[in-house]
Amino acid sequence: MREENHTWDELMFKEQYRKYYKILVIHALKIVADDSVAEDIVQDVFMGILRLKRTFADELQLRSYLYASVRNKALDHLKHKSVEQEFLAKSLDDTHASAYSLSIHGEEEFFSEEVYRRLFELVDTLPPRQREVFLKLMEGKKLREIANELNISFETVRTQKARGLNTLRKQMNPETMALLVALIG
């Protein structure tokens, strides 16, 4: 890393990307156990640095940032995956599936995984704290539980929930919004 320039110009980006890419993929792979996901995580971290035009005092700070960011993104991926699997399992349970089944012209009922995919896609667009609150709500946790787990106030959790709902309401169709409200209570 050049001492005189700590911002990410194109040359520096390519240089650091080549230097750290493979080892960071291995680092992510140890957590997520999926090659393509590990590669995506590392690419996301680098793109975030480039997009935000991050600066670093020295290479140690850069390296620390890269490893921590990859680790955090990998853990977020696992949390998200766990929540998705939990909901898929619930959707296959007749007692839950019947609440979200769709009937078209008297034909057989079916459950649309597309609705869940779209729901998770929209929740992923929320700012980090709101996304974290929503994923916990979707796990069935109460506001007080979430406040305790995240070590934030009950009011903050309530505010994040309200702000997230307002944001999502603008992006969701009524059916997806109804599903979200049913899931988070």
N, C-alpha and C. Protein backbone atom coordinates (compact mmCIF):
# COMPACT_ATOMS: atom_id res chain seq x y z
N MET A 1 0.85 -1.17 0.00
CA MET A 1 0.00 0.00 0.00
C MET A 1 0.89 1.23 0.00
N ARG A 2 0.65 2.12 -0.91
CA ARG A 2 1.47 3.32 -1.02
C ARG A 2 1.23 4.25 0.15
N GLU A 3 2.30 4.74 0.73
CA GLU A 3 2.19 5.63 1.88
C GLU A 3 1.56 6.97 1.53
N GLU A 4 1.85 7.49 0.31
CA GLU A 4 1.39 8.82 -0.04
C GLU A 4 -0.09 8.84 -0.44
N ASN A 5 -0.69 7.69 -0.70
CA ASN A 5 -2.06 7.67 -1.17
C ASN A 5 -2.80 6.51 -0.51
N HIS A 6 -3.73 6.82 0.36
CA HIS A 6 -4.45 5.78 1.08
C HIS A 6 -5.87 5.58 0.56
N THR A 7 -6.22 6.28 -0.50
CA THR A 7 -7.53 6.06 -1.10
C THR A 7 -7.41 5.01 -2.20
N TRP A 8 -8.52 4.53 -2.66
CA TRP A 8 -8.54 3.41 -3.60
C TRP A 8 -8.68 3.89 -5.03
N ASP A 9 -7.58 4.14 -5.69
CA ASP A 9 -7.65 4.39 -7.12
C ASP A 9 -7.68 3.02 -7.81
N GLU A 10 -7.87 3.02 -9.11
CA GLU A 10 -8.03 1.75 -9.84
C GLU A 10 -6.82 0.84 -9.70
N LEU A 11 -5.63 1.41 -9.79
CA LEU A 11 -4.41 0.61 -9.69
C LEU A 11 -4.28 -0.01 -8.30
N MET A 12 -4.51 0.78 -7.26
CA MET A 12 -4.42 0.26 -5.91
C MET A 12 -5.47 -0.83 -5.67
N PHE A 13 -6.67 -0.59 -6.19
CA PHE A 13 -7.74 -1.58 -6.03
C PHE A 13 -7.30 -2.92 -6.62
N LYS A 14 -6.81 -2.91 -7.85
CA LYS A 14 -6.38 -4.15 -8.50
C LYS A 14 -5.25 -4.82 -7.73
N GLU A 15 -4.33 -4.01 -7.25
CA GLU A 15 -3.17 -4.52 -6.51
C GLU A 15 -3.61 -5.23 -5.21
N GLN A 16 -4.46 -4.57 -4.45
CA GLN A 16 -4.91 -5.15 -3.18
C GLN A 16 -5.87 -6.32 -3.41
N TYR A 17 -6.66 -6.22 -4.44
CA TYR A 17 -7.57 -7.31 -4.77
C TYR A 17 -6.78 -8.58 -5.08
N ARG A 18 -5.76 -8.45 -5.94
CA ARG A 18 -4.92 -9.62 -6.27
C ARG A 18 -4.21 -10.15 -5.02
N LYS A 19 -3.76 -9.27 -4.18
CA LYS A 19 -3.00 -9.67 -3.01
C LYS A 19 -3.84 -10.43 -1.98
N TYR A 20 -5.08 -10.00 -1.77
CA TYR A 20 -5.88 -10.56 -0.68
C TYR A 20 -7.04 -11.46 -1.11
N TYR A 21 -7.41 -11.44 -2.36
CA TYR A 21 -8.61 -12.17 -2.80
C TYR A 21 -8.60 -13.64 -2.38
N LYS A 22 -7.59 -14.39 -2.77
CA LYS A 22 -7.59 -15.84 -2.52
C LYS A 22 -7.63 -16.17 -1.04
N ILE A 23 -6.83 -15.48 -0.24
CA ILE A 23 -6.78 -15.79 1.19
C ILE A 23 -8.10 -15.41 1.88
N LEU A 24 -8.74 -14.34 1.40
CA LEU A 24 -10.02 -13.96 1.97
C LEU A 24 -11.12 -14.95 1.58
N VAL A 25 -11.05 -15.49 0.37
CA VAL A 25 -12.01 -16.51 -0.04
C VAL A 25 -11.86 -17.74 0.87
N ILE A 26 -10.64 -18.12 1.14
CA ILE A 26 -10.40 -19.26 2.04
C ILE A 26 -10.95 -18.95 3.43
N HIS A 27 -10.73 -17.73 3.90
CA HIS A 27 -11.24 -17.30 5.20
C HIS A 27 -12.78 -17.41 5.24
N ALA A 28 -13.44 -16.93 4.19
CA ALA A 28 -14.91 -17.00 4.12
C ALA A 28 -15.37 -18.45 3.98
N LEU A 29 -14.63 -19.23 3.21
CA LEU A 29 -14.98 -20.62 2.96
C LEU A 29 -15.00 -21.43 4.26
N LYS A 30 -14.11 -21.12 5.17
CA LYS A 30 -14.10 -21.80 6.47
C LYS A 30 -15.40 -21.57 7.22
N ILE A 31 -16.06 -20.47 6.96
CA ILE A 31 -17.29 -20.13 7.67
C ILE A 31 -18.53 -20.63 6.92
N VAL A 32 -18.59 -20.35 5.61
CA VAL A 32 -19.81 -20.66 4.87
C VAL A 32 -19.81 -22.00 4.15
N ALA A 33 -18.63 -22.58 3.94
CA ALA A 33 -18.50 -23.90 3.30
C ALA A 33 -19.15 -23.97 1.91
N ASP A 34 -19.06 -22.89 1.16
CA ASP A 34 -19.61 -22.86 -0.19
C ASP A 34 -18.72 -21.93 -1.02
N ASP A 35 -18.07 -22.49 -2.04
CA ASP A 35 -17.11 -21.73 -2.84
C ASP A 35 -17.71 -20.45 -3.43
N SER A 36 -18.84 -20.59 -4.10
CA SER A 36 -19.41 -19.42 -4.79
C SER A 36 -19.87 -18.36 -3.81
N VAL A 37 -20.42 -18.77 -2.67
CA VAL A 37 -20.83 -17.79 -1.65
C VAL A 37 -19.61 -17.09 -1.08
N ALA A 38 -18.55 -17.84 -0.80
CA ALA A 38 -17.32 -17.24 -0.27
C ALA A 38 -16.75 -16.22 -1.26
N GLU A 39 -16.74 -16.56 -2.53
CA GLU A 39 -16.24 -15.63 -3.55
C GLU A 39 -17.10 -14.38 -3.62
N ASP A 40 -18.43 -14.56 -3.56
CA ASP A 40 -19.35 -13.41 -3.59
C ASP A 40 -19.12 -12.49 -2.40
N ILE A 41 -18.91 -13.08 -1.24
CA ILE A 41 -18.69 -12.29 -0.03
C ILE A 41 -17.44 -11.43 -0.18
N VAL A 42 -16.36 -12.02 -0.64
CA VAL A 42 -15.11 -11.27 -0.80
C VAL A 42 -15.29 -10.16 -1.84
N GLN A 43 -15.95 -10.48 -2.94
CA GLN A 43 -16.19 -9.45 -3.96
C GLN A 43 -17.05 -8.32 -3.41
N ASP A 44 -18.05 -8.65 -2.61
CA ASP A 44 -18.90 -7.62 -1.99
C ASP A 44 -18.09 -6.70 -1.08
N VAL A 45 -17.18 -7.28 -0.31
CA VAL A 45 -16.36 -6.48 0.58
C VAL A 45 -15.51 -5.50 -0.22
N PHE A 46 -14.85 -5.99 -1.26
CA PHE A 46 -14.01 -5.12 -2.08
C PHE A 46 -14.85 -4.05 -2.79
N MET A 47 -16.00 -4.44 -3.30
CA MET A 47 -16.85 -3.47 -3.98
C MET A 47 -17.35 -2.41 -3.00
N GLY A 48 -17.63 -2.81 -1.78
CA GLY A 48 -18.05 -1.85 -0.76
C GLY A 48 -16.97 -0.82 -0.47
N ILE A 49 -15.74 -1.28 -0.40
CA ILE A 49 -14.62 -0.36 -0.17
C ILE A 49 -14.51 0.61 -1.33
N LEU A 50 -14.60 0.10 -2.53
CA LEU A 50 -14.49 0.95 -3.71
C LEU A 50 -15.65 1.94 -3.80
N ARG A 51 -16.85 1.43 -3.55
CA ARG A 51 -18.06 2.27 -3.65
C ARG A 51 -18.04 3.38 -2.59
N LEU A 52 -17.61 3.04 -1.37
CA LEU A 52 -17.61 4.02 -0.28
C LEU A 52 -16.35 4.87 -0.25
N LYS A 53 -15.41 4.53 -1.15
CA LYS A 53 -14.14 5.25 -1.23
C LYS A 53 -13.46 5.32 0.15
N ARG A 54 -13.39 4.15 0.78
CA ARG A 54 -12.77 4.04 2.10
C ARG A 54 -11.30 4.39 2.03
N THR A 55 -10.78 4.91 3.13
CA THR A 55 -9.35 5.18 3.25
C THR A 55 -8.80 4.40 4.43
N PHE A 56 -7.54 4.07 4.37
CA PHE A 56 -6.89 3.30 5.42
C PHE A 56 -5.55 3.94 5.74
N ALA A 57 -5.22 3.99 7.02
CA ALA A 57 -3.97 4.61 7.45
C ALA A 57 -2.76 3.81 6.99
N ASP A 58 -2.90 2.48 7.01
CA ASP A 58 -1.78 1.64 6.60
C ASP A 58 -2.31 0.26 6.22
N GLU A 59 -1.41 -0.61 5.82
CA GLU A 59 -1.83 -1.93 5.36
C GLU A 59 -2.40 -2.78 6.49
N LEU A 60 -1.93 -2.61 7.70
CA LEU A 60 -2.47 -3.35 8.84
C LEU A 60 -3.94 -3.02 9.05
N GLN A 61 -4.27 -1.75 8.96
CA GLN A 61 -5.66 -1.34 9.10
C GLN A 61 -6.51 -1.92 7.96
N LEU A 62 -6.00 -1.88 6.75
CA LEU A 62 -6.69 -2.46 5.61
C LEU A 62 -6.92 -3.95 5.83
N ARG A 63 -5.88 -4.68 6.18
CA ARG A 63 -5.98 -6.12 6.38
C ARG A 63 -7.00 -6.45 7.48
N SER A 64 -6.94 -5.71 8.58
CA SER A 64 -7.90 -5.93 9.67
C SER A 64 -9.32 -5.71 9.19
N TYR A 65 -9.50 -4.64 8.44
CA TYR A 65 -10.83 -4.33 7.91
C TYR A 65 -11.32 -5.44 6.98
N LEU A 66 -10.46 -5.90 6.08
CA LEU A 66 -10.85 -6.94 5.14
C LEU A 66 -11.27 -8.23 5.85
N TYR A 67 -10.43 -8.69 6.77
CA TYR A 67 -10.75 -9.93 7.47
C TYR A 67 -12.03 -9.80 8.31
N ALA A 68 -12.17 -8.69 9.01
CA ALA A 68 -13.37 -8.50 9.84
C ALA A 68 -14.62 -8.40 8.97
N SER A 69 -14.52 -7.68 7.86
CA SER A 69 -15.68 -7.52 6.97
C SER A 69 -16.10 -8.85 6.35
N VAL A 70 -15.13 -9.62 5.91
CA VAL A 70 -15.43 -10.93 5.32
C VAL A 70 -16.07 -11.84 6.37
N ARG A 71 -15.50 -11.85 7.55
CA ARG A 71 -16.05 -12.67 8.63
C ARG A 71 -17.50 -12.26 8.94
N ASN A 72 -17.74 -10.95 9.09
CA ASN A 72 -19.08 -10.47 9.42
C ASN A 72 -20.08 -10.78 8.31
N LYS A 73 -19.68 -10.59 7.06
CA LYS A 73 -20.58 -10.91 5.95
C LYS A 73 -20.87 -12.41 5.88
N ALA A 74 -19.87 -13.22 6.17
CA ALA A 74 -20.07 -14.68 6.16
C ALA A 74 -21.03 -15.08 7.28
N LEU A 75 -20.86 -14.51 8.45
CA LEU A 75 -21.77 -14.82 9.56
C LEU A 75 -23.18 -14.32 9.28
N ASP A 76 -23.30 -13.14 8.67
CA ASP A 76 -24.62 -12.63 8.27
C ASP A 76 -25.28 -13.59 7.28
N HIS A 77 -24.47 -14.10 6.35
CA HIS A 77 -25.00 -15.05 5.37
C HIS A 77 -25.56 -16.30 6.08
N LEU A 78 -24.80 -16.82 7.05
CA LEU A 78 -25.27 -18.00 7.77
C LEU A 78 -26.54 -17.72 8.56
N LYS A 79 -26.61 -16.55 9.19
CA LYS A 79 -27.83 -16.17 9.93
C LYS A 79 -29.01 -16.11 8.98
N HIS A 80 -28.81 -15.45 7.86
CA HIS A 80 -29.87 -15.30 6.87
C HIS A 80 -30.31 -16.66 6.35
N LYS A 81 -29.34 -17.51 6.06
CA LYS A 81 -29.63 -18.86 5.57
C LYS A 81 -30.44 -19.65 6.60
N SER A 82 -30.08 -19.51 7.87
CA SER A 82 -30.78 -20.21 8.94
C SER A 82 -32.23 -19.76 9.02
N VAL A 83 -32.46 -18.46 8.91
CA VAL A 83 -33.82 -17.94 8.96
C VAL A 83 -34.61 -18.43 7.75
N GLU A 84 -33.99 -18.41 6.57
CA GLU A 84 -34.67 -18.91 5.37
C GLU A 84 -35.07 -20.37 5.52
N GLN A 85 -34.15 -21.19 6.03
CA GLN A 85 -34.43 -22.61 6.19
C GLN A 85 -35.56 -22.83 7.20
N GLU A 86 -35.55 -22.03 8.25
CA GLU A 86 -36.60 -22.14 9.26
C GLU A 86 -37.97 -21.85 8.64
N PHE A 87 -38.03 -20.81 7.81
CA PHE A 87 -39.30 -20.47 7.18
C PHE A 87 -39.71 -21.47 6.13
N LEU A 88 -38.76 -22.02 5.41
CA LEU A 88 -39.11 -23.06 4.44
C LEU A 88 -39.68 -24.28 5.16
N ALA A 89 -39.07 -24.63 6.28
CA ALA A 89 -39.58 -25.76 7.05
C ALA A 89 -41.00 -25.47 7.55
N LYS A 90 -41.22 -24.25 8.00
CA LYS A 90 -42.56 -23.87 8.47
C LYS A 90 -43.55 -23.90 7.32
N SER A 91 -43.11 -23.47 6.14
CA SER A 91 -44.02 -23.41 5.01
C SER A 91 -44.48 -24.79 4.58
N LEU A 92 -43.66 -25.79 4.83
CA LEU A 92 -44.03 -27.15 4.46
C LEU A 92 -44.97 -27.80 5.48
N ASP A 93 -45.00 -27.23 6.66
CA ASP A 93 -45.90 -27.70 7.70
C ASP A 93 -47.33 -27.28 7.33
N ASP A 94 -48.25 -28.22 7.27
CA ASP A 94 -49.62 -27.93 6.84
C ASP A 94 -50.27 -26.81 7.63
N THR A 95 -50.00 -26.73 8.93
CA THR A 95 -50.66 -25.70 9.73
C THR A 95 -50.22 -24.31 9.32
N HIS A 96 -48.97 -24.18 8.89
CA HIS A 96 -48.48 -22.87 8.45
C HIS A 96 -48.77 -22.65 6.97
N ALA A 97 -48.64 -23.67 6.17
CA ALA A 97 -48.82 -23.52 4.73
C ALA A 97 -50.24 -23.11 4.39
N SER A 98 -51.20 -23.63 5.14
CA SER A 98 -52.59 -23.31 4.81
C SER A 98 -52.88 -21.82 4.95
N ALA A 99 -52.20 -21.14 5.85
CA ALA A 99 -52.43 -19.71 6.04
C ALA A 99 -51.92 -18.90 4.86
N TYR A 100 -50.96 -19.44 4.11
CA TYR A 100 -50.36 -18.70 3.02
C TYR A 100 -50.57 -19.36 1.67
N SER A 101 -51.51 -20.30 1.61
CA SER A 101 -51.78 -20.98 0.34
C SER A 101 -52.61 -20.07 -0.55
N LEU A 102 -52.45 -20.23 -1.81
CA LEU A 102 -53.19 -19.45 -2.78
C LEU A 102 -54.11 -20.37 -3.55
N SER A 103 -55.30 -19.89 -3.87
CA SER A 103 -56.23 -20.69 -4.64
C SER A 103 -56.53 -19.95 -5.93
N ILE A 104 -56.36 -20.65 -7.06
CA ILE A 104 -56.59 -20.01 -8.35
C ILE A 104 -57.67 -20.79 -9.08
N HIS A 105 -58.84 -20.15 -9.30
CA HIS A 105 -59.95 -20.73 -10.07
C HIS A 105 -60.28 -22.15 -9.62
N GLY A 106 -60.31 -22.36 -8.31
CA GLY A 106 -60.70 -23.66 -7.79
C GLY A 106 -59.68 -24.76 -7.99
N GLU A 107 -58.53 -24.47 -8.58
CA GLU A 107 -57.51 -25.50 -8.76
C GLU A 107 -56.90 -25.82 -7.41
N GLU A 108 -56.02 -26.81 -7.40
CA GLU A 108 -55.42 -27.22 -6.13
C GLU A 108 -54.62 -26.08 -5.52
N GLU A 109 -54.53 -26.07 -4.20
CA GLU A 109 -53.82 -25.03 -3.47
C GLU A 109 -52.32 -25.27 -3.56
N PHE A 110 -51.58 -24.19 -3.57
CA PHE A 110 -50.13 -24.34 -3.59
C PHE A 110 -49.50 -23.21 -2.77
N PHE A 111 -48.30 -23.44 -2.31
CA PHE A 111 -47.58 -22.43 -1.55
C PHE A 111 -46.50 -21.83 -2.44
N SER A 112 -46.43 -20.54 -2.47
CA SER A 112 -45.48 -19.89 -3.36
C SER A 112 -44.18 -19.54 -2.64
N GLU A 113 -43.13 -20.26 -2.97
CA GLU A 113 -41.81 -19.93 -2.42
C GLU A 113 -41.32 -18.59 -2.95
N GLU A 114 -41.87 -18.18 -4.08
CA GLU A 114 -41.49 -16.90 -4.66
C GLU A 114 -41.82 -15.74 -3.73
N VAL A 115 -42.93 -15.86 -2.99
CA VAL A 115 -43.31 -14.81 -2.05
C VAL A 115 -42.23 -14.69 -0.97
N TYR A 116 -41.77 -15.80 -0.43
CA TYR A 116 -40.72 -15.76 0.58
C TYR A 116 -39.41 -15.22 0.00
N ARG A 117 -39.08 -15.64 -1.20
CA ARG A 117 -37.85 -15.15 -1.82
C ARG A 117 -37.90 -13.64 -1.95
N ARG A 118 -39.01 -13.14 -2.41
CA ARG A 118 -39.17 -11.69 -2.59
C ARG A 118 -39.12 -10.98 -1.24
N LEU A 119 -39.74 -11.57 -0.25
CA LEU A 119 -39.74 -10.99 1.09
C LEU A 119 -38.31 -10.86 1.61
N PHE A 120 -37.53 -11.93 1.53
CA PHE A 120 -36.15 -11.88 2.01
C PHE A 120 -35.32 -10.91 1.18
N GLU A 121 -35.59 -10.86 -0.11
CA GLU A 121 -34.86 -9.94 -0.97
C GLU A 121 -35.10 -8.49 -0.53
N LEU A 122 -36.33 -8.16 -0.19
CA LEU A 122 -36.66 -6.80 0.24
C LEU A 122 -36.10 -6.50 1.63
N VAL A 123 -36.17 -7.46 2.53
CA VAL A 123 -35.61 -7.26 3.88
C VAL A 123 -34.10 -7.04 3.78
N ASP A 124 -33.45 -7.71 2.85
CA ASP A 124 -32.00 -7.53 2.66
C ASP A 124 -31.63 -6.12 2.22
N THR A 125 -32.58 -5.36 1.69
CA THR A 125 -32.28 -3.99 1.24
C THR A 125 -32.32 -2.99 2.39
N LEU A 126 -32.82 -3.40 3.53
CA LEU A 126 -32.91 -2.49 4.68
C LEU A 126 -31.52 -2.16 5.22
N PRO A 127 -31.40 -1.02 5.90
CA PRO A 127 -30.12 -0.73 6.57
C PRO A 127 -29.80 -1.84 7.57
N PRO A 128 -28.52 -2.04 7.89
CA PRO A 128 -28.10 -3.18 8.71
C PRO A 128 -28.88 -3.37 10.02
N ARG A 129 -29.09 -2.33 10.81
CA ARG A 129 -29.78 -2.50 12.10
C ARG A 129 -31.23 -2.89 11.87
N GLN A 130 -31.91 -2.27 10.91
CA GLN A 130 -33.29 -2.63 10.63
C GLN A 130 -33.38 -4.06 10.13
N ARG A 131 -32.46 -4.46 9.25
CA ARG A 131 -32.44 -5.83 8.73
C ARG A 131 -32.27 -6.82 9.87
N GLU A 132 -31.35 -6.51 10.79
CA GLU A 132 -31.10 -7.38 11.92
C GLU A 132 -32.36 -7.53 12.77
N VAL A 133 -33.05 -6.43 13.03
CA VAL A 133 -34.29 -6.47 13.81
C VAL A 133 -35.34 -7.30 13.09
N PHE A 134 -35.49 -7.09 11.77
CA PHE A 134 -36.51 -7.83 11.03
C PHE A 134 -36.22 -9.33 10.98
N LEU A 135 -34.98 -9.70 10.79
CA LEU A 135 -34.66 -11.13 10.76
C LEU A 135 -34.99 -11.79 12.09
N LYS A 136 -34.73 -11.08 13.19
CA LYS A 136 -35.07 -11.63 14.50
C LYS A 136 -36.59 -11.68 14.69
N LEU A 137 -37.29 -10.67 14.22
CA LEU A 137 -38.75 -10.69 14.29
C LEU A 137 -39.30 -11.87 13.49
N MET A 138 -38.70 -12.12 12.32
CA MET A 138 -39.15 -13.22 11.48
C MET A 138 -38.81 -14.58 12.09
N GLU A 139 -37.87 -14.60 13.03
CA GLU A 139 -37.57 -15.83 13.77
C GLU A 139 -38.61 -16.06 14.86
N GLY A 140 -39.49 -15.07 15.06
CA GLY A 140 -40.53 -15.20 16.08
C GLY A 140 -40.17 -14.57 17.41
N LYS A 141 -39.12 -13.79 17.44
CA LYS A 141 -38.69 -13.18 18.70
C LYS A 141 -39.51 -11.92 18.97
N LYS A 142 -39.70 -11.65 20.26
CA LYS A 142 -40.43 -10.46 20.72
C LYS A 142 -39.48 -9.27 20.76
N LEU A 143 -40.06 -8.07 20.78
CA LEU A 143 -39.26 -6.85 20.78
C LEU A 143 -38.28 -6.80 21.96
N ARG A 144 -38.74 -7.18 23.14
CA ARG A 144 -37.86 -7.16 24.33
C ARG A 144 -36.70 -8.14 24.19
N GLU A 145 -36.98 -9.33 23.64
CA GLU A 145 -35.92 -10.31 23.40
C GLU A 145 -34.87 -9.75 22.46
N ILE A 146 -35.34 -9.11 21.41
CA ILE A 146 -34.42 -8.54 20.42
C ILE A 146 -33.58 -7.44 21.06
N ALA A 147 -34.22 -6.58 21.86
CA ALA A 147 -33.50 -5.51 22.54
C ALA A 147 -32.40 -6.09 23.43
N ASN A 148 -32.70 -7.15 24.14
CA ASN A 148 -31.71 -7.79 25.01
C ASN A 148 -30.58 -8.42 24.20
N GLU A 149 -30.93 -9.14 23.14
CA GLU A 149 -29.91 -9.80 22.31
C GLU A 149 -28.97 -8.82 21.64
N LEU A 150 -29.55 -7.71 21.14
CA LEU A 150 -28.74 -6.74 20.41
C LEU A 150 -28.14 -5.67 21.33
N ASN A 151 -28.52 -5.75 22.61
CA ASN A 151 -28.00 -4.80 23.60
C ASN A 151 -28.36 -3.36 23.22
N ILE A 152 -29.64 -3.17 22.84
CA ILE A 152 -30.15 -1.85 22.53
C ILE A 152 -31.48 -1.68 23.26
N SER A 153 -31.99 -0.48 23.30
CA SER A 153 -33.23 -0.23 24.05
C SER A 153 -34.45 -0.78 23.31
N PHE A 154 -35.48 -1.04 24.09
CA PHE A 154 -36.76 -1.50 23.54
C PHE A 154 -37.29 -0.49 22.54
N GLU A 155 -37.17 0.81 22.87
CA GLU A 155 -37.65 1.87 21.99
C GLU A 155 -36.90 1.87 20.65
N THR A 156 -35.60 1.60 20.69
CA THR A 156 -34.82 1.55 19.46
C THR A 156 -35.31 0.41 18.57
N VAL A 157 -35.58 -0.73 19.17
CA VAL A 157 -36.10 -1.87 18.40
C VAL A 157 -37.44 -1.51 17.79
N ARG A 158 -38.31 -0.89 18.59
CA ARG A 158 -39.63 -0.50 18.09
C ARG A 158 -39.52 0.51 16.95
N THR A 159 -38.62 1.47 17.11
CA THR A 159 -38.41 2.48 16.07
C THR A 159 -37.86 1.84 14.79
N GLN A 160 -36.88 0.93 14.94
CA GLN A 160 -36.31 0.26 13.77
C GLN A 160 -37.37 -0.57 13.05
N LYS A 161 -38.24 -1.20 13.81
CA LYS A 161 -39.32 -1.99 13.21
C LYS A 161 -40.26 -1.07 12.42
N ALA A 162 -40.66 0.05 13.02
CA ALA A 162 -41.57 0.98 12.36
C ALA A 162 -40.94 1.56 11.09
N ARG A 163 -39.69 1.97 11.18
CA ARG A 163 -39.01 2.53 10.00
C ARG A 163 -38.88 1.49 8.89
N GLY A 164 -38.53 0.27 9.29
CA GLY A 164 -38.41 -0.80 8.30
C GLY A 164 -39.73 -1.09 7.63
N LEU A 165 -40.80 -1.13 8.41
CA LEU A 165 -42.13 -1.38 7.84
C LEU A 165 -42.51 -0.28 6.85
N ASN A 166 -42.22 0.97 7.21
CA ASN A 166 -42.52 2.08 6.29
C ASN A 166 -41.74 1.94 4.99
N THR A 167 -40.48 1.59 5.09
CA THR A 167 -39.66 1.41 3.89
C THR A 167 -40.18 0.26 3.05
N LEU A 168 -40.46 -0.86 3.70
CA LEU A 168 -40.91 -2.05 2.97
C LEU A 168 -42.30 -1.86 2.37
N ARG A 169 -43.16 -1.14 3.07
CA ARG A 169 -44.52 -0.92 2.59
C ARG A 169 -44.51 -0.26 1.21
N LYS A 170 -43.54 0.61 0.98
CA LYS A 170 -43.43 1.32 -0.30
C LYS A 170 -42.97 0.38 -1.42
N GLN A 171 -42.27 -0.70 -1.06
CA GLN A 171 -41.69 -1.59 -2.05
C GLN A 171 -42.48 -2.87 -2.27
N MET A 172 -43.39 -3.20 -1.36
CA MET A 172 -44.07 -4.50 -1.41
C MET A 172 -45.47 -4.39 -1.98
N ASN A 173 -45.88 -5.49 -2.61
CA ASN A 173 -47.27 -5.58 -3.00
C ASN A 173 -48.07 -5.97 -1.75
N PRO A 174 -49.38 -5.81 -1.76
CA PRO A 174 -50.19 -6.07 -0.56
C PRO A 174 -50.06 -7.50 -0.01
N GLU A 175 -49.93 -8.50 -0.91
CA GLU A 175 -49.83 -9.88 -0.45
C GLU A 175 -48.54 -10.12 0.34
N THR A 176 -47.42 -9.61 -0.20
CA THR A 176 -46.14 -9.79 0.48
C THR A 176 -46.14 -9.03 1.81
N MET A 177 -46.73 -7.83 1.81
CA MET A 177 -46.80 -7.05 3.05
C MET A 177 -47.64 -7.77 4.09
N ALA A 178 -48.73 -8.37 3.67
CA ALA A 178 -49.59 -9.12 4.60
C ALA A 178 -48.81 -10.30 5.19
N LEU A 179 -48.03 -10.97 4.36
CA LEU A 179 -47.22 -12.09 4.84
C LEU A 179 -46.20 -11.60 5.87
N LEU A 180 -45.55 -10.50 5.57
CA LEU A 180 -44.54 -9.95 6.51
C LEU A 180 -45.19 -9.60 7.83
N VAL A 181 -46.31 -8.91 7.79
CA VAL A 181 -46.99 -8.52 9.03
C VAL A 181 -47.41 -9.75 9.81
N ALA A 182 -47.87 -10.79 9.12
CA ALA A 182 -48.24 -12.03 9.80
C ALA A 182 -47.02 -12.70 10.44
N LEU A 183 -45.88 -12.63 9.78
CA LEU A 183 -44.67 -13.28 10.29
C LEU A 183 -44.08 -12.56 11.50
N ILE A 184 -44.13 -11.23 11.48
CA ILE A 184 -43.46 -10.49 12.56
C ILE A 184 -44.41 -10.08 13.67
N GLY A 185 -45.69 -10.31 13.48
CA GLY A 185 -46.66 -10.03 14.55
C GLY A 185 -46.90 -8.61 14.79
